[in-house]
Amino acid sequence: MIITTSNTIEGRAIKEYLGIVTGAQIFQLSVSAKGAEKKWASTCNDIIRLIKQEAAALGADAVIAIRFCLDEPRAVATGTAVKLEA
């Protein structure tokens, strides 16, 4: 499944917009910068996994326009699930 922050996918036409998908997770910053960086990367990967599952349940081929927001203690991401032309 294609996941992108872009509103389009180069070389692919969007056939149908299926709806907004979201993922969220509790997130607390670490004391060290390196620890915070690792935690943020891990949290983003977990959220993307959740978004992929939600999009797949809708029959999506891709999720476009993904945006992440850190609102401690939550990290949230939203995107738009889409079907692509063959």
C-alpha atoms as a PDB file:
ATOM      1  CA  MET A   1       0.000   0.000   0.000  1.00  0.00           C
ATOM      2  CA  ILE A   2       1.301   3.431  -0.945  1.00  0.00           C
ATOM      3  CA  ILE A   3       1.512   5.912   1.947  1.00  0.00           C
ATOM      4  CA  THR A   4       2.447   9.512   1.157  1.00  0.00           C
ATOM      5  CA  THR A   5       2.319  13.035   2.512  1.00  0.00           C
ATOM      6  CA  SER A   6       1.616  14.232  -1.036  1.00  0.00           C
ATOM      7  CA  ASN A   7      -1.893  14.939  -2.316  1.00  0.00           C
ATOM      8  CA  THR A   8      -1.185  12.970  -5.495  1.00  0.00           C
ATOM      9  CA  ILE A   9       0.748   9.892  -6.545  1.00  0.00           C
ATOM     10  CA  GLU A  10       2.962  10.511  -9.532  1.00  0.00           C
ATOM     11  CA  GLY A  11       1.933   8.426 -12.520  1.00  0.00           C
ATOM     12  CA  ARG A  12      -1.268   7.152 -10.873  1.00  0.00           C
ATOM     13  CA  ALA A  13      -4.748   8.629 -11.126  1.00  0.00           C
ATOM     14  CA  ILE A  14      -7.077   8.598  -8.139  1.00  0.00           C
ATOM     15  CA  LYS A  15     -10.284   6.773  -9.031  1.00  0.00           C
ATOM     16  CA  GLU A  16     -12.159   7.173  -5.751  1.00  0.00           C
ATOM     17  CA  TYR A  17     -11.779   8.897  -2.385  1.00  0.00           C
ATOM     18  CA  LEU A  18     -12.810   6.440   0.334  1.00  0.00           C
ATOM     19  CA  GLY A  19     -12.571   8.676   3.385  1.00  0.00           C
ATOM     20  CA  ILE A  20     -10.322   9.926   6.142  1.00  0.00           C
ATOM     21  CA  VAL A  21      -8.293   7.386   8.095  1.00  0.00           C
ATOM     22  CA  THR A  22      -6.633   8.064  11.438  1.00  0.00           C
ATOM     23  CA  GLY A  23      -4.165   6.532  13.815  1.00  0.00           C
ATOM     24  CA  ALA A  24      -3.237   7.627  17.314  1.00  0.00           C
ATOM     25  CA  GLN A  25      -0.946   6.528  20.072  1.00  0.00           C
ATOM     26  CA  ILE A  26       0.126   7.721  23.488  1.00  0.00           C
ATOM     27  CA  PHE A  27       3.519   9.400  23.214  1.00  0.00           C
ATOM     28  CA  GLN A  28       5.790  10.883  25.851  1.00  0.00           C
ATOM     29  CA  LEU A  29       9.041  12.593  25.040  1.00  0.00           C
ATOM     30  CA  SER A  30      12.198  11.121  26.469  1.00  0.00           C
ATOM     31  CA  VAL A  31      14.638  13.131  28.540  1.00  0.00           C
ATOM     32  CA  SER A  32      17.383  12.787  25.918  1.00  0.00           C
ATOM     33  CA  ALA A  33      17.159  14.040  22.352  1.00  0.00           C
ATOM     34  CA  LYS A  34      18.338  10.691  20.977  1.00  0.00           C
ATOM     35  CA  GLY A  35      15.748   8.830  23.056  1.00  0.00           C
ATOM     36  CA  ALA A  36      12.994  11.186  21.860  1.00  0.00           C
ATOM     37  CA  GLU A  37      14.036  10.693  18.237  1.00  0.00           C
ATOM     38  CA  LYS A  38      13.872   6.896  18.536  1.00  0.00           C
ATOM     39  CA  LYS A  39      10.538   7.034  20.358  1.00  0.00           C
ATOM     40  CA  TRP A  40       9.071   9.385  17.725  1.00  0.00           C
ATOM     41  CA  ALA A  41      10.216   7.115  14.867  1.00  0.00           C
ATOM     42  CA  SER A  42       8.757   4.058  16.596  1.00  0.00           C
ATOM     43  CA  THR A  43       5.484   5.864  17.290  1.00  0.00           C
ATOM     44  CA  CYS A  44       5.184   7.043  13.662  1.00  0.00           C
ATOM     45  CA  ASN A  45       5.732   3.491  12.412  1.00  0.00           C
ATOM     46  CA  ASP A  46       3.057   2.166  14.775  1.00  0.00           C
ATOM     47  CA  ILE A  47       0.588   4.838  13.653  1.00  0.00           C
ATOM     48  CA  ILE A  48       1.281   4.137   9.968  1.00  0.00           C
ATOM     49  CA  ARG A  49       0.573   0.456  10.622  1.00  0.00           C
ATOM     50  CA  LEU A  50      -2.809   1.417  12.135  1.00  0.00           C
ATOM     51  CA  ILE A  51      -3.620   3.698   9.202  1.00  0.00           C
ATOM     52  CA  LYS A  52      -2.735   0.954   6.717  1.00  0.00           C
ATOM     53  CA  GLN A  53      -5.073  -1.459   8.495  1.00  0.00           C
ATOM     54  CA  GLU A  54      -7.939   1.036   8.483  1.00  0.00           C
ATOM     55  CA  ALA A  55      -7.353   1.905   4.819  1.00  0.00           C
ATOM     56  CA  ALA A  56      -7.147  -1.761   3.818  1.00  0.00           C
ATOM     57  CA  ALA A  57     -10.501  -2.391   5.515  1.00  0.00           C
ATOM     58  CA  LEU A  58     -11.967   0.282   3.212  1.00  0.00           C
ATOM     59  CA  GLY A  59     -10.429  -1.372   0.150  1.00  0.00           C
ATOM     60  CA  ALA A  60      -7.862   1.384  -0.409  1.00  0.00           C
ATOM     61  CA  ASP A  61      -4.793   1.116  -2.613  1.00  0.00           C
ATOM     62  CA  ALA A  62      -3.115   4.124  -1.005  1.00  0.00           C
ATOM     63  CA  VAL A  63      -3.324   6.788   1.675  1.00  0.00           C
ATOM     64  CA  ILE A  64      -2.502  10.322   0.582  1.00  0.00           C
ATOM     65  CA  ALA A  65      -1.990  13.607   2.421  1.00  0.00           C
ATOM     66  CA  ILE A  66      -0.816  11.998   5.671  1.00  0.00           C
ATOM     67  CA  ARG A  67      -0.225  14.582   8.413  1.00  0.00           C
ATOM     68  CA  PHE A  68       1.254  13.931  11.843  1.00  0.00           C
ATOM     69  CA  CYS A  69       0.485  16.003  14.924  1.00  0.00           C
ATOM     70  CA  LEU A  70       2.126  15.707  18.306  1.00  0.00           C
ATOM     71  CA  ASP A  71      -0.265  16.840  21.003  1.00  0.00           C
ATOM     72  CA  GLU A  72       1.455  15.355  24.028  1.00  0.00           C
ATOM     73  CA  PRO A  73       0.631  12.879  25.352  1.00  0.00           C
ATOM     74  CA  ARG A  74      -0.916  11.841  22.018  1.00  0.00           C
ATOM     75  CA  ALA A  75       0.564  11.472  18.574  1.00  0.00           C
ATOM     76  CA  VAL A  76      -2.090  11.504  15.857  1.00  0.00           C
ATOM     77  CA  ALA A  77      -1.970  11.099  12.098  1.00  0.00           C
ATOM     78  CA  THR A  78      -4.679  11.479   9.487  1.00  0.00           C
ATOM     79  CA  GLY A  79      -4.775  10.825   5.780  1.00  0.00           C
ATOM     80  CA  THR A  80      -7.186  10.138   2.941  1.00  0.00           C
ATOM     81  CA  ALA A  81      -7.734   6.563   1.781  1.00  0.00           C
ATOM     82  CA  VAL A  82      -8.043   6.292  -2.002  1.00  0.00           C
ATOM     83  CA  LYS A  83      -8.578   3.772  -4.782  1.00  0.00           C
ATOM     84  CA  LEU A  84      -6.219   4.171  -7.740  1.00  0.00           C
ATOM     85  CA  GLU A  85      -6.846   3.612 -11.439  1.00  0.00           C
ATOM     86  CA  ALA A  86      -5.382   0.311 -12.641  1.00  0.00           C
END
